[in-house]
PDB file of N, CA and C in Angstrom:
ATOM      1  N   MET A   1     -90.725 207.283  88.057  1.00  0.00           N
ATOM      2  CA  MET A   1     -89.798 206.736  89.014  1.00  0.00           C
ATOM      3  C   MET A   1     -90.462 205.585  89.767  1.00  0.00           C
ATOM      4  N   VAL A   2     -89.761 204.501  89.911  1.00  0.00           N
ATOM      5  CA  VAL A   2     -90.267 203.342  90.639  1.00  0.00           C
ATOM      6  C   VAL A   2     -90.288 203.675  92.128  1.00  0.00           C
ATOM      7  N   ILE A   3     -91.415 203.388  92.763  1.00  0.00           N
ATOM      8  CA  ILE A   3     -91.582 203.635  94.194  1.00  0.00           C
ATOM      9  C   ILE A   3     -91.948 202.306  94.842  1.00  0.00           C
ATOM     10  N   ILE A   4     -91.036 201.767  95.636  1.00  0.00           N
ATOM     11  CA  ILE A   4     -91.327 200.513  96.336  1.00  0.00           C
ATOM     12  C   ILE A   4     -91.357 200.831  97.819  1.00  0.00           C
ATOM     13  N   ASP A   5     -92.556 201.108  98.293  1.00  0.00           N
ATOM     14  CA  ASP A   5     -92.753 201.546  99.667  1.00  0.00           C
ATOM     15  C   ASP A   5     -94.110 201.047 100.137  1.00  0.00           C
ATOM     16  N   LYS A   6     -94.113 200.340 101.232  1.00  0.00           N
ATOM     17  CA  LYS A   6     -95.350 199.776 101.787  1.00  0.00           C
ATOM     18  C   LYS A   6     -96.402 200.864 102.025  1.00  0.00           C
ATOM     19  N   GLU A   7     -95.965 202.062 102.352  1.00  0.00           N
ATOM     20  CA  GLU A   7     -96.896 203.153 102.666  1.00  0.00           C
ATOM     21  C   GLU A   7     -97.399 203.897 101.428  1.00  0.00           C
ATOM     22  N   ALA A   8     -96.781 203.668 100.286  1.00  0.00           N
ATOM     23  CA  ALA A   8     -97.210 204.352  99.061  1.00  0.00           C
ATOM     24  C   ALA A   8     -98.562 203.789  98.613  1.00  0.00           C
ATOM     25  N   PRO A   9     -99.496 204.658  98.304  1.00  0.00           N
ATOM     26  CA  PRO A   9    -100.831 204.195  97.892  1.00  0.00           C
ATOM     27  C   PRO A   9    -100.865 203.789  96.414  1.00  0.00           C
ATOM     28  N   LEU A  10    -100.136 202.723  96.092  1.00  0.00           N
ATOM     29  CA  LEU A  10    -100.021 202.272  94.709  1.00  0.00           C
ATOM     30  C   LEU A  10    -100.390 200.805  94.593  1.00  0.00           C
ATOM     31  N   VAL A  11    -100.706 200.393  93.375  1.00  0.00           N
ATOM     32  CA  VAL A  11    -100.849 198.973  93.075  1.00  0.00           C
ATOM     33  C   VAL A  11     -99.759 198.615  92.069  1.00  0.00           C
ATOM     34  N   THR A  12     -99.318 197.381  92.137  1.00  0.00           N
ATOM     35  CA  THR A  12     -98.279 196.894  91.240  1.00  0.00           C
ATOM     36  C   THR A  12     -98.867 195.786  90.380  1.00  0.00           C
ATOM     37  N   VAL A  13     -98.690 195.906  89.090  1.00  0.00           N
ATOM     38  CA  VAL A  13     -99.121 194.871  88.154  1.00  0.00           C
ATOM     39  C   VAL A  13     -97.853 194.182  87.675  1.00  0.00           C
ATOM     40  N   ILE A  14     -97.782 192.871  87.914  1.00  0.00           N
ATOM     41  CA  ILE A  14     -96.619 192.101  87.484  1.00  0.00           C
ATOM     42  C   ILE A  14     -97.075 191.116  86.427  1.00  0.00           C
ATOM     43  N   VAL A  15     -96.425 191.179  85.274  1.00  0.00           N
ATOM     44  CA  VAL A  15     -96.717 190.256  84.181  1.00  0.00           C
ATOM     45  C   VAL A  15     -95.433 189.515  83.849  1.00  0.00           C
ATOM     46  N   ARG A  16     -95.535 188.212  83.834  1.00  0.00           N
ATOM     47  CA  ARG A  16     -94.393 187.349  83.483  1.00  0.00           C
ATOM     48  C   ARG A  16     -94.687 186.719  82.125  1.00  0.00           C
ATOM     49  N   PHE A  17     -93.813 186.973  81.176  1.00  0.00           N
ATOM     50  CA  PHE A  17     -93.938 186.426  79.833  1.00  0.00           C
ATOM     51  C   PHE A  17     -92.965 185.261  79.717  1.00  0.00           C
ATOM     52  N   LEU A  18     -93.451 184.103  79.351  1.00  0.00           N
ATOM     53  CA  LEU A  18     -92.612 182.927  79.127  1.00  0.00           C
ATOM     54  C   LEU A  18     -92.413 182.824  77.621  1.00  0.00           C
ATOM     55  N   VAL A  19     -91.166 182.966  77.189  1.00  0.00           N
ATOM     56  CA  VAL A  19     -90.868 183.162  75.778  1.00  0.00           C
ATOM     57  C   VAL A  19     -89.676 182.307  75.361  1.00  0.00           C
ATOM     58  N   ALA A  20     -89.659 181.901  74.107  1.00  0.00           N
ATOM     59  CA  ALA A  20     -88.478 181.219  73.570  1.00  0.00           C
ATOM     60  C   ALA A  20     -87.358 182.247  73.437  1.00  0.00           C
ATOM     61  N   PRO A  21     -86.122 181.857  73.734  1.00  0.00           N
ATOM     62  CA  PRO A  21     -85.003 182.808  73.649  1.00  0.00           C
ATOM     63  C   PRO A  21     -84.927 183.551  72.311  1.00  0.00           C
ATOM     64  N   ALA A  22     -85.303 182.908  71.230  1.00  0.00           N
ATOM     65  CA  ALA A  22     -85.242 183.544  69.914  1.00  0.00           C
ATOM     66  C   ALA A  22     -86.225 184.718  69.784  1.00  0.00           C
ATOM     67  N   HIS A  23     -87.216 184.793  70.679  1.00  0.00           N
ATOM     68  CA  HIS A  23     -88.255 185.826  70.581  1.00  0.00           C
ATOM     69  C   HIS A  23     -88.197 186.879  71.687  1.00  0.00           C
ATOM     70  N   GLN A  24     -87.295 186.719  72.641  1.00  0.00           N
ATOM     71  CA  GLN A  24     -87.268 187.638  73.780  1.00  0.00           C
ATOM     72  C   GLN A  24     -87.030 189.089  73.344  1.00  0.00           C
ATOM     73  N   GLU A  25     -86.017 189.327  72.533  1.00  0.00           N
ATOM     74  CA  GLU A  25     -85.681 190.700  72.133  1.00  0.00           C
ATOM     75  C   GLU A  25     -86.801 191.344  71.324  1.00  0.00           C
ATOM     76  N   ARG A  26     -87.441 190.563  70.461  1.00  0.00           N
ATOM     77  CA  ARG A  26     -88.543 191.114  69.654  1.00  0.00           C
ATOM     78  C   ARG A  26     -89.716 191.508  70.540  1.00  0.00           C
ATOM     79  N   LEU A  27     -90.024 190.692  71.536  1.00  0.00           N
ATOM     80  CA  LEU A  27     -91.099 191.020  72.467  1.00  0.00           C
ATOM     81  C   LEU A  27     -90.790 192.331  73.186  1.00  0.00           C
ATOM     82  N   LEU A  28     -89.566 192.473  73.665  1.00  0.00           N
ATOM     83  CA  LEU A  28     -89.174 193.701  74.347  1.00  0.00           C
ATOM     84  C   LEU A  28     -89.240 194.908  73.410  1.00  0.00           C
ATOM     85  N   ALA A  29     -88.749 194.754  72.207  1.00  0.00           N
ATOM     86  CA  ALA A  29     -88.746 195.863  71.253  1.00  0.00           C
ATOM     87  C   ALA A  29     -90.160 196.294  70.892  1.00  0.00           C
ATOM     88  N   LEU A  30     -91.017 195.337  70.596  1.00  0.00           N
ATOM     89  CA  LEU A  30     -92.412 195.666  70.266  1.00  0.00           C
ATOM     90  C   LEU A  30     -93.093 196.387  71.413  1.00  0.00           C
ATOM     91  N   THR A  31     -92.899 195.896  72.601  1.00  0.00           N
ATOM     92  CA  THR A  31     -93.536 196.501  73.764  1.00  0.00           C
ATOM     93  C   THR A  31     -93.036 197.925  73.982  1.00  0.00           C
ATOM     94  N   GLU A  32     -91.733 198.107  73.869  1.00  0.00           N
ATOM     95  CA  GLU A  32     -91.181 199.456  74.068  1.00  0.00           C
ATOM     96  C   GLU A  32     -91.666 200.420  72.988  1.00  0.00           C
ATOM     97  N   ILE A  33     -91.617 199.994  71.749  1.00  0.00           N
ATOM     98  CA  ILE A  33     -91.996 200.869  70.633  1.00  0.00           C
ATOM     99  C   ILE A  33     -93.485 201.196  70.649  1.00  0.00           C
ATOM    100  N   LEU A  34     -94.318 200.187  70.892  1.00  0.00           N
ATOM    101  CA  LEU A  34     -95.757 200.377  70.789  1.00  0.00           C
ATOM    102  C   LEU A  34     -96.417 200.884  72.068  1.00  0.00           C
ATOM    103  N   MET A  35     -95.924 200.462  73.224  1.00  0.00           N
ATOM    104  CA  MET A  35     -96.625 200.788  74.466  1.00  0.00           C
ATOM    105  C   MET A  35     -96.049 201.973  75.229  1.00  0.00           C
ATOM    106  N   ALA A  36     -94.734 202.150  75.205  1.00  0.00           N
ATOM    107  CA  ALA A  36     -94.124 203.223  76.000  1.00  0.00           C
ATOM    108  C   ALA A  36     -94.742 204.594  75.707  1.00  0.00           C
ATOM    109  N   PRO A  37     -94.930 204.952  74.434  1.00  0.00           N
ATOM    110  CA  PRO A  37     -95.519 206.276  74.175  1.00  0.00           C
ATOM    111  C   PRO A  37     -96.951 206.414  74.709  1.00  0.00           C
ATOM    112  N   LEU A  38     -97.681 205.304  74.755  1.00  0.00           N
ATOM    113  CA  LEU A  38     -99.063 205.357  75.242  1.00  0.00           C
ATOM    114  C   LEU A  38     -99.138 205.439  76.762  1.00  0.00           C
ATOM    115  N   MET A  39     -98.215 204.779  77.430  1.00  0.00           N
ATOM    116  CA  MET A  39     -98.275 204.710  78.888  1.00  0.00           C
ATOM    117  C   MET A  39     -97.892 206.036  79.529  1.00  0.00           C
ATOM    118  N   ARG A  40     -96.879 206.678  78.982  1.00  0.00           N
ATOM    119  CA  ARG A  40     -96.483 207.980  79.530  1.00  0.00           C
ATOM    120  C   ARG A  40     -97.668 208.928  79.437  1.00  0.00           C
ATOM    121  N   GLY A  41     -97.969 209.579  80.508  1.00  0.00           N
ATOM    122  CA  GLY A  41     -99.063 210.546  80.489  1.00  0.00           C
ATOM    123  C   GLY A  41    -100.433 209.970  80.769  1.00  0.00           C
ATOM    124  N   GLN A  42    -100.547 208.649  80.912  1.00  0.00           N
ATOM    125  CA  GLN A  42    -101.844 208.062  81.234  1.00  0.00           C
ATOM    126  C   GLN A  42    -102.230 208.422  82.664  1.00  0.00           C
ATOM    127  N   PRO A  43    -103.485 208.774  82.901  1.00  0.00           N
ATOM    128  CA  PRO A  43    -103.917 209.069  84.271  1.00  0.00           C
ATOM    129  C   PRO A  43    -103.644 207.876  85.187  1.00  0.00           C
ATOM    130  N   GLY A  44    -102.985 208.144  86.294  1.00  0.00           N
ATOM    131  CA  GLY A  44    -102.713 207.107  87.283  1.00  0.00           C
ATOM    132  C   GLY A  44    -101.478 206.273  87.033  1.00  0.00           C
ATOM    133  N   PHE A  45    -100.858 206.413  85.870  1.00  0.00           N
ATOM    134  CA  PHE A  45     -99.647 205.638  85.581  1.00  0.00           C
ATOM    135  C   PHE A  45     -98.473 206.217  86.358  1.00  0.00           C
ATOM    136  N   VAL A  46     -97.674 205.341  86.983  1.00  0.00           N
ATOM    137  CA  VAL A  46     -96.512 205.769  87.755  1.00  0.00           C
ATOM    138  C   VAL A  46     -95.229 205.326  87.069  1.00  0.00           C
ATOM    139  N   SER A  47     -95.096 204.024  86.808  1.00  0.00           N
ATOM    140  CA  SER A  47     -93.868 203.523  86.190  1.00  0.00           C
ATOM    141  C   SER A  47     -94.092 202.124  85.637  1.00  0.00           C
ATOM    142  N   SER A  48     -93.191 201.727  84.764  1.00  0.00           N
ATOM    143  CA  SER A  48     -93.193 200.368  84.231  1.00  0.00           C
ATOM    144  C   SER A  48     -91.742 199.993  83.959  1.00  0.00           C
ATOM    145  N   SER A  49     -91.326 198.872  84.518  1.00  0.00           N
ATOM    146  CA  SER A  49     -89.952 198.396  84.342  1.00  0.00           C
ATOM    147  C   SER A  49     -89.988 196.994  83.752  1.00  0.00           C
ATOM    148  N   PHE A  50     -89.253 196.812  82.668  1.00  0.00           N
ATOM    149  CA  PHE A  50     -89.187 195.502  82.026  1.00  0.00           C
ATOM    150  C   PHE A  50     -87.845 194.859  82.348  1.00  0.00           C
ATOM    151  N   HIS A  51     -87.902 193.586  82.686  1.00  0.00           N
ATOM    152  CA  HIS A  51     -86.697 192.824  83.031  1.00  0.00           C
ATOM    153  C   HIS A  51     -86.627 191.616  82.103  1.00  0.00           C
ATOM    154  N   ARG A  52     -85.444 191.303  81.616  1.00  0.00           N
ATOM    155  CA  ARG A  52     -85.247 190.120  80.775  1.00  0.00           C
ATOM    156  C   ARG A  52     -84.399 189.119  81.542  1.00  0.00           C
ATOM    157  N   SER A  53     -84.755 187.844  81.426  1.00  0.00           N
ATOM    158  CA  SER A  53     -83.925 186.824  82.068  1.00  0.00           C
ATOM    159  C   SER A  53     -82.668 186.642  81.229  1.00  0.00           C
ATOM    160  N   ARG A  54     -81.603 186.303  81.878  1.00  0.00           N
ATOM    161  CA  ARG A  54     -80.332 186.118  81.176  1.00  0.00           C
ATOM    162  C   ARG A  54     -80.346 184.929  80.243  1.00  0.00           C
ATOM    163  N   ASP A  55     -81.201 183.944  80.529  1.00  0.00           N
ATOM    164  CA  ASP A  55     -81.266 182.775  79.639  1.00  0.00           C
ATOM    165  C   ASP A  55     -82.223 182.988  78.469  1.00  0.00           C
ATOM    166  N   GLY A  56     -82.873 184.140  78.411  1.00  0.00           N
ATOM    167  CA  GLY A  56     -83.740 184.471  77.282  1.00  0.00           C
ATOM    168  C   GLY A  56     -85.142 183.913  77.343  1.00  0.00           C
ATOM    169  N   THR A  57     -85.512 183.229  78.409  1.00  0.00           N
ATOM    170  CA  THR A  57     -86.801 182.532  78.452  1.00  0.00           C
ATOM    171  C   THR A  57     -87.924 183.308  79.144  1.00  0.00           C
ATOM    172  N   GLN A  58     -87.609 184.481  79.694  1.00  0.00           N
ATOM    173  CA  GLN A  58     -88.641 185.228  80.398  1.00  0.00           C
ATOM    174  C   GLN A  58     -88.449 186.729  80.209  1.00  0.00           C
ATOM    175  N   VAL A  59     -89.570 187.427  80.288  1.00  0.00           N
ATOM    176  CA  VAL A  59     -89.598 188.876  80.412  1.00  0.00           C
ATOM    177  C   VAL A  59     -90.579 189.147  81.542  1.00  0.00           C
ATOM    178  N   VAL A  60     -90.217 190.038  82.441  1.00  0.00           N
ATOM    179  CA  VAL A  60     -91.104 190.394  83.534  1.00  0.00           C
ATOM    180  C   VAL A  60     -91.329 191.897  83.502  1.00  0.00           C
ATOM    181  N   ASN A  61     -92.589 192.288  83.573  1.00  0.00           N
ATOM    182  CA  ASN A  61     -92.949 193.702  83.643  1.00  0.00           C
ATOM    183  C   ASN A  61     -93.457 193.990  85.040  1.00  0.00           C
ATOM    184  N   TYR A  62     -92.881 195.008  85.668  1.00  0.00           N
ATOM    185  CA  TYR A  62     -93.267 195.477  86.993  1.00  0.00           C
ATOM    186  C   TYR A  62     -93.824 196.879  86.781  1.00  0.00           C
ATOM    187  N   ALA A  63     -95.145 197.013  86.786  1.00  0.00           N
ATOM    188  CA  ALA A  63     -95.777 198.308  86.520  1.00  0.00           C
ATOM    189  C   ALA A  63     -96.514 198.797  87.756  1.00  0.00           C
ATOM    190  N   GLN A  64     -96.453 200.107  87.962  1.00  0.00           N
ATOM    191  CA  GLN A  64     -97.120 200.697  89.111  1.00  0.00           C
ATOM    192  C   GLN A  64     -98.167 201.704  88.654  1.00  0.00           C
ATOM    193  N   TRP A  65     -99.304 201.640  89.328  1.00  0.00           N
ATOM    194  CA  TRP A  65    -100.440 202.516  89.040  1.00  0.00           C
ATOM    195  C   TRP A  65    -100.979 203.082  90.341  1.00  0.00           C
ATOM    196  N   ARG A  66    -101.631 204.208  90.263  1.00  0.00           N
ATOM    197  CA  ARG A  66    -102.235 204.816  91.456  1.00  0.00           C
ATOM    198  C   ARG A  66    -103.387 203.975  91.992  1.00  0.00           C
ATOM    199  N   SER A  67    -104.086 203.280  91.091  1.00  0.00           N
ATOM    200  CA  SER A  67    -105.217 202.453  91.528  1.00  0.00           C
ATOM    201  C   SER A  67    -105.508 201.381  90.487  1.00  0.00           C
ATOM    202  N   VAL A  68    -106.247 200.372  90.909  1.00  0.00           N
ATOM    203  CA  VAL A  68    -106.694 199.332  89.985  1.00  0.00           C
ATOM    204  C   VAL A  68    -107.601 199.955  88.928  1.00  0.00           C
ATOM    205  N   ALA A  69    -108.422 200.907  89.328  1.00  0.00           N
ATOM    206  CA  ALA A  69    -109.324 201.567  88.372  1.00  0.00           C
ATOM    207  C   ALA A  69    -108.538 202.262  87.266  1.00  0.00           C
ATOM    208  N   ASP A  70    -107.427 202.928  87.609  1.00  0.00           N
ATOM    209  CA  ASP A  70    -106.599 203.581  86.590  1.00  0.00           C
ATOM    210  C   ASP A  70    -105.998 202.556  85.634  1.00  0.00           C
ATOM    211  N   TYR A  71    -105.516 201.463  86.183  1.00  0.00           N
ATOM    212  CA  TYR A  71    -104.942 200.393  85.359  1.00  0.00           C
ATOM    213  C   TYR A  71    -105.991 199.821  84.407  1.00  0.00           C
ATOM    214  N   GLU A  72    -107.164 199.541  84.927  1.00  0.00           N
ATOM    215  CA  GLU A  72    -108.231 198.973  84.097  1.00  0.00           C
ATOM    216  C   GLU A  72    -108.705 199.969  83.038  1.00  0.00           C
ATOM    217  N   ALA A  73    -108.766 201.254  83.383  1.00  0.00           N
ATOM    218  CA  ALA A  73    -109.173 202.280  82.412  1.00  0.00           C
ATOM    219  C   ALA A  73    -108.179 202.348  81.255  1.00  0.00           C
ATOM    220  N   PHE A  74    -106.894 202.221  81.563  1.00  0.00           N
ATOM    221  CA  PHE A  74    -105.872 202.214  80.519  1.00  0.00           C
ATOM    222  C   PHE A  74    -106.129 201.075  79.531  1.00  0.00           C
ATOM    223  N   GLY A  75    -106.471 199.901  80.042  1.00  0.00           N
ATOM    224  CA  GLY A  75    -106.734 198.753  79.186  1.00  0.00           C
ATOM    225  C   GLY A  75    -107.941 198.932  78.282  1.00  0.00           C
ATOM    226  N   ARG A  76    -108.846 199.831  78.654  1.00  0.00           N
ATOM    227  CA  ARG A  76    -110.049 200.088  77.843  1.00  0.00           C
ATOM    228  C   ARG A  76    -109.875 201.242  76.856  1.00  0.00           C
ATOM    229  N   GLU A  77    -108.767 201.948  76.965  1.00  0.00           N
ATOM    230  CA  GLU A  77    -108.524 203.092  76.079  1.00  0.00           C
ATOM    231  C   GLU A  77    -108.540 202.646  74.617  1.00  0.00           C
ATOM    232  N   PRO A  78    -109.304 203.305  73.762  1.00  0.00           N
ATOM    233  CA  PRO A  78    -109.320 202.943  72.335  1.00  0.00           C
ATOM    234  C   PRO A  78    -107.934 202.986  71.693  1.00  0.00           C
ATOM    235  N   ALA A  79    -107.104 203.943  72.085  1.00  0.00           N
ATOM    236  CA  ALA A  79    -105.766 204.075  71.482  1.00  0.00           C
ATOM    237  C   ALA A  79    -104.861 202.900  71.833  1.00  0.00           C
ATOM    238  N   VAL A  80    -105.209 202.149  72.855  1.00  0.00           N
ATOM    239  CA  VAL A  80    -104.382 201.029  73.307  1.00  0.00           C
ATOM    240  C   VAL A  80    -104.716 199.740  72.557  1.00  0.00           C
ATOM    241  N   GLN A  81    -105.904 199.651  72.029  1.00  0.00           N
ATOM    242  CA  GLN A  81    -106.380 198.395  71.444  1.00  0.00           C
ATOM    243  C   GLN A  81    -105.534 197.906  70.272  1.00  0.00           C
ATOM    244  N   GLU A  82    -105.186 198.774  69.345  1.00  0.00           N
ATOM    245  CA  GLU A  82    -104.410 198.340  68.179  1.00  0.00           C
ATOM    246  C   GLU A  82    -103.001 197.875  68.570  1.00  0.00           C
ATOM    247  N   PRO A  83    -102.230 198.665  69.342  1.00  0.00           N
ATOM    248  CA  PRO A  83    -100.889 198.193  69.714  1.00  0.00           C
ATOM    249  C   PRO A  83    -100.928 196.911  70.538  1.00  0.00           C
ATOM    250  N   VAL A  84    -101.868 196.809  71.451  1.00  0.00           N
ATOM    251  CA  VAL A  84    -101.981 195.578  72.245  1.00  0.00           C
ATOM    252  C   VAL A  84    -102.313 194.405  71.332  1.00  0.00           C
ATOM    253  N   GLY A  85    -103.162 194.630  70.346  1.00  0.00           N
ATOM    254  CA  GLY A  85    -103.497 193.573  69.390  1.00  0.00           C
ATOM    255  C   GLY A  85    -102.280 193.108  68.602  1.00  0.00           C
ATOM    256  N   LEU A  86    -101.432 194.041  68.198  1.00  0.00           N
ATOM    257  CA  LEU A  86    -100.214 193.679  67.462  1.00  0.00           C
ATOM    258  C   LEU A  86     -99.275 192.849  68.339  1.00  0.00           C
ATOM    259  N   ILE A  87     -99.134 193.258  69.596  1.00  0.00           N
ATOM    260  CA  ILE A  87     -98.278 192.510  70.516  1.00  0.00           C
ATOM    261  C   ILE A  87     -98.861 191.124  70.772  1.00  0.00           C
ATOM    262  N   ARG A  88    -100.168 191.048  70.962  1.00  0.00           N
ATOM    263  CA  ARG A  88    -100.812 189.734  71.185  1.00  0.00           C
ATOM    264  C   ARG A  88    -100.660 188.829  69.972  1.00  0.00           C
ATOM    265  N   ASP A  89    -100.785 189.393  68.775  1.00  0.00           N
ATOM    266  CA  ASP A  89    -100.596 188.590  67.558  1.00  0.00           C
ATOM    267  C   ASP A  89     -99.181 188.013  67.519  1.00  0.00           C
ATOM    268  N   PHE A  90     -98.191 188.853  67.820  1.00  0.00           N
ATOM    269  CA  PHE A  90     -96.814 188.369  67.857  1.00  0.00           C
ATOM    270  C   PHE A  90     -96.669 187.257  68.897  1.00  0.00           C
ATOM    271  N   MET A  91     -97.207 187.488  70.081  1.00  0.00           N
ATOM    272  CA  MET A  91     -97.080 186.515  71.168  1.00  0.00           C
ATOM    273  C   MET A  91     -97.738 185.190  70.793  1.00  0.00           C
ATOM    274  N   ARG A  92     -98.895 185.263  70.180  1.00  0.00           N
ATOM    275  CA  ARG A  92     -99.585 184.043  69.762  1.00  0.00           C
ATOM    276  C   ARG A  92     -98.730 183.261  68.772  1.00  0.00           C
ATOM    277  N   GLY A  93     -98.182 183.956  67.780  1.00  0.00           N
ATOM    278  CA  GLY A  93     -97.346 183.301  66.779  1.00  0.00           C
ATOM    279  C   GLY A  93     -96.042 182.762  67.339  1.00  0.00           C
ATOM    280  N   ALA A  94     -95.527 183.420  68.385  1.00  0.00           N
ATOM    281  CA  ALA A  94     -94.255 183.006  68.984  1.00  0.00           C
ATOM    282  C   ALA A  94     -94.448 182.030  70.148  1.00  0.00           C
ATOM    283  N   GLY A  95     -95.696 181.720  70.471  1.00  0.00           N
ATOM    284  CA  GLY A  95     -95.959 180.788  71.565  1.00  0.00           C
ATOM    285  C   GLY A  95     -95.663 181.347  72.947  1.00  0.00           C
ATOM    286  N   VAL A  96     -95.741 182.666  73.093  1.00  0.00           N
ATOM    287  CA  VAL A  96     -95.484 183.301  74.390  1.00  0.00           C
ATOM    288  C   VAL A  96     -96.692 183.084  75.307  1.00  0.00           C
ATOM    289  N   ARG A  97     -96.404 182.660  76.524  1.00  0.00           N
ATOM    290  CA  ARG A  97     -97.456 182.504  77.544  1.00  0.00           C
ATOM    291  C   ARG A  97     -97.253 183.585  78.598  1.00  0.00           C
ATOM    292  N   THR A  98     -98.325 183.935  79.292  1.00  0.00           N
ATOM    293  CA  THR A  98     -98.212 184.961  80.329  1.00  0.00           C
ATOM    294  C   THR A  98     -98.851 184.509  81.634  1.00  0.00           C
ATOM    295  N   GLU A  99     -98.349 185.083  82.703  1.00  0.00           N
ATOM    296  CA  GLU A  99     -98.929 184.963  84.034  1.00  0.00           C
ATOM    297  C   GLU A  99     -98.946 186.379  84.580  1.00  0.00           C
ATOM    298  N   SER A 100    -100.032 186.766  85.247  1.00  0.00           N
ATOM    299  CA  SER A 100    -100.069 188.138  85.762  1.00  0.00           C
ATOM    300  C   SER A 100    -100.897 188.231  87.026  1.00  0.00           C
ATOM    301  N   GLY A 101    -100.727 189.342  87.719  1.00  0.00           N
ATOM    302  CA  GLY A 101    -101.495 189.607  88.920  1.00  0.00           C
ATOM    303  C   GLY A 101    -101.315 191.042  89.353  1.00  0.00           C
ATOM    304  N   VAL A 102    -102.208 191.471  90.247  1.00  0.00           N
ATOM    305  CA  VAL A 102    -102.145 192.802  90.828  1.00  0.00           C
ATOM    306  C   VAL A 102    -101.712 192.628  92.281  1.00  0.00           C
ATOM    307  N   PHE A 103    -100.699 193.403  92.690  1.00  0.00           N
ATOM    308  CA  PHE A 103    -100.067 193.231  93.997  1.00  0.00           C
ATOM    309  C   PHE A 103     -99.967 194.548  94.740  1.00  0.00           C
ATOM    310  N   GLU A 104     -99.652 194.439  96.023  1.00  0.00           N
ATOM    311  CA  GLU A 104     -99.268 195.595  96.824  1.00  0.00           C
ATOM    312  C   GLU A 104     -97.983 195.231  97.561  1.00  0.00           C
ATOM    313  N   VAL A 105     -97.200 196.229  97.922  1.00  0.00           N
ATOM    314  CA  VAL A 105     -95.939 195.977  98.609  1.00  0.00           C
ATOM    315  C   VAL A 105     -96.230 195.507 100.036  1.00  0.00           C
ATOM    316  N   ALA A 106     -95.687 194.371 100.400  1.00  0.00           N
ATOM    317  CA  ALA A 106     -95.807 193.861 101.773  1.00  0.00           C
ATOM    318  C   ALA A 106     -94.659 194.394 102.619  1.00  0.00           C
ATOM    319  N   PHE A 107     -93.443 194.330 102.082  1.00  0.00           N
ATOM    320  CA  PHE A 107     -92.269 194.931 102.709  1.00  0.00           C
ATOM    321  C   PHE A 107     -91.145 194.920 101.696  1.00  0.00           C
ATOM    322  N   SER A 108     -90.122 195.715 101.957  1.00  0.00           N
ATOM    323  CA  SER A 108     -88.945 195.710 101.090  1.00  0.00           C
ATOM    324  C   SER A 108     -87.709 195.784 101.981  1.00  0.00           C
ATOM    325  N   ILE A 109     -86.615 195.326 101.457  1.00  0.00           N
ATOM    326  CA  ILE A 109     -85.354 195.287 102.181  1.00  0.00           C
ATOM    327  C   ILE A 109     -84.303 195.992 101.333  1.00  0.00           C
ATOM    328  N   ALA A 110     -83.530 196.855 101.952  1.00  0.00           N
ATOM    329  CA  ALA A 110     -82.475 197.567 101.236  1.00  0.00           C
ATOM    330  C   ALA A 110     -81.145 197.289 101.937  1.00  0.00           C
ATOM    331  N   HIS A 111     -80.081 197.487 101.187  1.00  0.00           N
ATOM    332  CA  HIS A 111     -78.734 197.311 101.727  1.00  0.00           C
ATOM    333  C   HIS A 111     -78.525 198.292 102.878  1.00  0.00           C
ATOM    334  N   ALA A 112     -77.925 197.824 103.951  1.00  0.00           N
ATOM    335  CA  ALA A 112     -77.615 198.682 105.077  1.00  0.00           C
ATOM    336  C   ALA A 112     -76.511 199.646 104.669  1.00  0.00           C
ATOM    337  N   THR A 113     -76.676 200.924 104.976  1.00  0.00           N
ATOM    338  CA  THR A 113     -75.650 201.904 104.640  1.00  0.00           C
ATOM    339  C   THR A 113     -74.733 202.110 105.832  1.00  0.00           C
ATOM    340  N   SER A 114     -73.524 202.510 105.555  1.00  0.00           N
ATOM    341  CA  SER A 114     -72.535 202.711 106.626  1.00  0.00           C
ATOM    342  C   SER A 114     -72.753 204.010 107.343  1.00  0.00           C
TER     343      SER A 114
END
């Protein structure tokens, strides 16, 4: 479950993929098929939400982890190397660029309820 709360002791990893519209769906499919099974059950993993732009030129991943150490440990897992390599190969061939960072919630705003 996604938790967006300034008081929650979590880190957020945001990755923005810049992709040609012809490759957006394939990027999403590869990521879901190859990474979703690995992420579930990882120590410190909380959630990961993928968003696609309506014009097809971007994919954004909003992932939450208990700590930076947990996130970094996941990246070093031997079981992760092959699927990540396959996704990177696809991205390289499709000309996908990425921007990423590790964040914390500064504040959030919700709709006022009646």
